[in-house]
Amino acid sequence: MDELALAQNTPTLVTPVKAVATIQNTMPTNDDDLYVSTHGDIAKKWIKIESGDSVKFAEPTYLMQIGRANWVFPVVESD
């Protein structure tokens, strides 16, 4: 997987193809946060990944963005 498209307010389960996946929040402003969780429930607590930061994960993980109608994030996977 080279990129991930996320729709606004839509939790998306992402499973790394290789051992570890890294996704960077490339959204341009500090109001454009990427969120990560293990549960995928919008009503529960999510971890915020601010613009410019990244998240690395090895297990299936839910990601969600709330700032834009759609946004494509770069994904780097490694063994």
N, C-alpha and C. Protein backbone atom coordinates (compact mmCIF):
# COMPACT_ATOMS: atom_id res chain seq x y z
N MET A 1 0.85 -1.17 0.00
CA MET A 1 0.00 0.00 0.00
C MET A 1 0.90 1.23 0.00
N ASP A 2 0.74 2.11 -0.96
CA ASP A 2 1.54 3.33 -1.07
C ASP A 2 0.82 4.56 -0.53
N GLU A 3 -0.51 4.50 -0.53
CA GLU A 3 -1.29 5.65 -0.04
C GLU A 3 -2.61 5.17 0.53
N LEU A 4 -3.21 6.03 1.34
CA LEU A 4 -4.48 5.72 1.97
C LEU A 4 -5.40 6.92 1.84
N ALA A 5 -6.56 6.74 1.23
CA ALA A 5 -7.55 7.80 1.10
C ALA A 5 -8.58 7.66 2.22
N LEU A 6 -8.76 8.73 2.97
CA LEU A 6 -9.73 8.73 4.06
C LEU A 6 -10.81 9.78 3.81
N ALA A 7 -12.05 9.38 3.97
CA ALA A 7 -13.18 10.30 3.86
C ALA A 7 -13.45 10.90 5.24
N GLN A 8 -13.96 12.10 5.27
CA GLN A 8 -14.22 12.83 6.50
C GLN A 8 -15.16 12.05 7.42
N ASN A 9 -14.78 11.99 8.71
CA ASN A 9 -15.59 11.36 9.77
C ASN A 9 -15.93 9.90 9.51
N THR A 10 -15.06 9.18 8.79
CA THR A 10 -15.30 7.78 8.47
C THR A 10 -14.15 6.92 8.97
N PRO A 11 -14.33 6.20 10.09
CA PRO A 11 -13.27 5.31 10.55
C PRO A 11 -12.98 4.23 9.50
N THR A 12 -11.70 4.01 9.24
CA THR A 12 -11.29 3.05 8.24
C THR A 12 -10.28 2.09 8.85
N LEU A 13 -10.58 0.78 8.77
CA LEU A 13 -9.66 -0.23 9.30
C LEU A 13 -8.54 -0.43 8.29
N VAL A 14 -7.30 -0.27 8.77
CA VAL A 14 -6.12 -0.43 7.92
C VAL A 14 -5.29 -1.58 8.48
N THR A 15 -4.99 -2.55 7.62
CA THR A 15 -4.16 -3.68 8.00
C THR A 15 -2.85 -3.61 7.22
N PRO A 16 -1.72 -3.54 7.92
CA PRO A 16 -0.44 -3.47 7.21
C PRO A 16 -0.24 -4.69 6.32
N VAL A 17 0.26 -4.45 5.11
CA VAL A 17 0.56 -5.55 4.20
C VAL A 17 1.85 -6.22 4.64
N LYS A 18 2.82 -5.41 5.05
CA LYS A 18 4.09 -5.93 5.57
C LYS A 18 4.06 -5.87 7.09
N ALA A 19 5.21 -6.02 7.73
CA ALA A 19 5.25 -6.10 9.19
C ALA A 19 4.82 -4.81 9.88
N VAL A 20 5.22 -3.65 9.32
CA VAL A 20 4.94 -2.37 9.96
C VAL A 20 4.53 -1.36 8.90
N ALA A 21 3.52 -0.55 9.21
CA ALA A 21 3.10 0.54 8.32
C ALA A 21 3.27 1.86 9.06
N THR A 22 3.70 2.89 8.33
CA THR A 22 3.83 4.23 8.87
C THR A 22 3.03 5.17 7.99
N ILE A 23 2.17 5.97 8.61
CA ILE A 23 1.37 6.95 7.88
C ILE A 23 1.67 8.32 8.48
N GLN A 24 2.00 9.28 7.61
CA GLN A 24 2.26 10.65 8.06
C GLN A 24 1.04 11.52 7.79
N ASN A 25 0.72 12.37 8.75
CA ASN A 25 -0.36 13.33 8.57
C ASN A 25 0.19 14.50 7.75
N THR A 26 -0.11 14.51 6.46
CA THR A 26 0.39 15.54 5.56
C THR A 26 -0.62 16.67 5.36
N MET A 27 -1.69 16.66 6.12
CA MET A 27 -2.66 17.74 6.01
C MET A 27 -1.97 19.04 6.44
N PRO A 28 -2.26 20.16 5.77
CA PRO A 28 -1.41 21.34 5.88
C PRO A 28 -1.54 22.23 7.11
N THR A 29 -2.59 22.12 7.89
CA THR A 29 -2.74 23.06 9.01
C THR A 29 -2.86 22.32 10.33
N ASN A 30 -2.70 23.06 11.42
CA ASN A 30 -2.81 22.46 12.75
C ASN A 30 -4.23 22.06 13.09
N ASP A 31 -5.22 22.49 12.30
CA ASP A 31 -6.61 22.09 12.52
C ASP A 31 -6.93 20.76 11.85
N ASP A 32 -6.01 20.25 11.04
CA ASP A 32 -6.24 19.02 10.27
C ASP A 32 -5.57 17.84 10.96
N ASP A 33 -6.27 17.25 11.89
CA ASP A 33 -5.70 16.14 12.65
C ASP A 33 -6.10 14.80 12.07
N LEU A 34 -5.23 13.83 12.24
CA LEU A 34 -5.48 12.44 11.90
C LEU A 34 -5.69 11.73 13.23
N TYR A 35 -6.65 10.83 13.29
CA TYR A 35 -6.94 10.13 14.53
C TYR A 35 -6.74 8.63 14.35
N VAL A 36 -6.31 7.95 15.42
CA VAL A 36 -6.03 6.53 15.39
C VAL A 36 -6.65 5.86 16.61
N SER A 37 -7.15 4.62 16.42
CA SER A 37 -7.70 3.85 17.54
C SER A 37 -7.65 2.37 17.21
N THR A 38 -7.92 1.56 18.20
CA THR A 38 -8.02 0.11 17.98
C THR A 38 -9.47 -0.33 17.91
N HIS A 39 -10.43 0.57 18.21
CA HIS A 39 -11.84 0.19 18.30
C HIS A 39 -12.69 0.66 17.12
N GLY A 40 -12.41 1.80 16.52
CA GLY A 40 -13.18 2.29 15.38
C GLY A 40 -14.52 2.94 15.71
N ASP A 41 -14.81 3.15 16.99
CA ASP A 41 -16.07 3.75 17.42
C ASP A 41 -15.90 5.27 17.54
N ILE A 42 -16.62 6.04 16.73
CA ILE A 42 -16.49 7.50 16.72
C ILE A 42 -16.78 8.09 18.10
N ALA A 43 -17.66 7.50 18.86
CA ALA A 43 -18.07 8.04 20.16
C ALA A 43 -17.02 7.82 21.26
N LYS A 44 -16.06 6.95 21.03
CA LYS A 44 -15.04 6.66 22.04
C LYS A 44 -13.79 7.51 21.82
N LYS A 45 -12.83 7.38 22.69
CA LYS A 45 -11.59 8.15 22.66
C LYS A 45 -10.68 7.70 21.51
N TRP A 46 -10.08 8.69 20.80
CA TRP A 46 -9.12 8.46 19.73
C TRP A 46 -7.83 9.18 20.06
N ILE A 47 -6.72 8.70 19.55
CA ILE A 47 -5.43 9.37 19.71
C ILE A 47 -5.25 10.31 18.53
N LYS A 48 -4.86 11.57 18.81
CA LYS A 48 -4.71 12.58 17.77
C LYS A 48 -3.27 12.60 17.24
N ILE A 49 -3.14 12.55 15.92
CA ILE A 49 -1.85 12.69 15.24
C ILE A 49 -1.88 14.04 14.53
N GLU A 50 -1.13 15.00 15.02
CA GLU A 50 -1.18 16.35 14.49
C GLU A 50 -0.50 16.46 13.13
N SER A 51 -0.78 17.54 12.43
CA SER A 51 -0.19 17.80 11.12
C SER A 51 1.33 17.72 11.21
N GLY A 52 1.96 16.95 10.31
CA GLY A 52 3.41 16.77 10.28
C GLY A 52 3.90 15.57 11.06
N ASP A 53 3.10 15.05 11.99
CA ASP A 53 3.49 13.87 12.77
C ASP A 53 3.09 12.60 12.03
N SER A 54 3.54 11.46 12.55
CA SER A 54 3.21 10.19 11.91
C SER A 54 2.85 9.15 12.96
N VAL A 55 2.25 8.08 12.48
CA VAL A 55 1.89 6.95 13.35
C VAL A 55 2.42 5.68 12.69
N LYS A 56 2.99 4.81 13.51
CA LYS A 56 3.54 3.54 13.04
C LYS A 56 2.78 2.42 13.74
N PHE A 57 2.35 1.40 12.99
CA PHE A 57 1.58 0.32 13.60
C PHE A 57 1.85 -1.00 12.89
N ALA A 58 1.69 -2.09 13.63
CA ALA A 58 1.94 -3.43 13.10
C ALA A 58 0.69 -4.30 13.11
N GLU A 59 -0.36 -3.85 13.76
CA GLU A 59 -1.62 -4.59 13.87
C GLU A 59 -2.71 -3.82 13.13
N PRO A 60 -3.83 -4.48 12.78
CA PRO A 60 -4.95 -3.73 12.19
C PRO A 60 -5.36 -2.56 13.10
N THR A 61 -5.49 -1.40 12.50
CA THR A 61 -5.72 -0.16 13.24
C THR A 61 -6.74 0.70 12.49
N TYR A 62 -7.59 1.39 13.24
CA TYR A 62 -8.55 2.31 12.63
C TYR A 62 -7.94 3.70 12.54
N LEU A 63 -8.13 4.34 11.39
CA LEU A 63 -7.70 5.71 11.17
C LEU A 63 -8.90 6.53 10.73
N MET A 64 -8.89 7.82 11.10
CA MET A 64 -9.99 8.70 10.72
C MET A 64 -9.46 10.13 10.66
N GLN A 65 -9.96 10.90 9.69
CA GLN A 65 -9.66 12.32 9.64
C GLN A 65 -10.98 13.08 9.62
N ILE A 66 -10.98 14.25 10.24
CA ILE A 66 -12.24 15.00 10.31
C ILE A 66 -12.14 16.38 9.66
N GLY A 67 -10.97 16.74 9.10
CA GLY A 67 -10.77 18.08 8.61
C GLY A 67 -11.18 18.34 7.17
N ARG A 68 -11.16 17.35 6.32
CA ARG A 68 -11.40 17.54 4.88
C ARG A 68 -12.42 16.52 4.39
N ALA A 69 -13.08 16.82 3.28
CA ALA A 69 -14.03 15.86 2.70
C ALA A 69 -13.32 14.56 2.37
N ASN A 70 -12.14 14.65 1.78
CA ASN A 70 -11.29 13.50 1.47
C ASN A 70 -9.84 13.94 1.56
N TRP A 71 -8.95 13.03 1.94
CA TRP A 71 -7.53 13.33 1.96
C TRP A 71 -6.77 12.04 1.73
N VAL A 72 -5.68 12.13 0.97
CA VAL A 72 -4.84 10.96 0.68
C VAL A 72 -3.54 11.10 1.48
N PHE A 73 -3.23 10.09 2.27
CA PHE A 73 -2.04 10.08 3.10
C PHE A 73 -1.00 9.13 2.52
N PRO A 74 0.29 9.49 2.57
CA PRO A 74 1.32 8.56 2.14
C PRO A 74 1.52 7.45 3.17
N VAL A 75 1.79 6.25 2.68
CA VAL A 75 2.02 5.09 3.56
C VAL A 75 3.37 4.48 3.21
N VAL A 76 4.18 4.20 4.22
CA VAL A 76 5.45 3.51 4.04
C VAL A 76 5.35 2.22 4.83
N GLU A 77 5.63 1.10 4.16
CA GLU A 77 5.59 -0.19 4.84
C GLU A 77 6.97 -0.82 4.81
N SER A 78 7.31 -1.51 5.89
CA SER A 78 8.61 -2.17 5.97
C SER A 78 8.48 -3.51 6.65
N ASP A 79 9.45 -4.37 6.36
CA ASP A 79 9.47 -5.71 6.97
C ASP A 79 10.02 -5.68 8.36
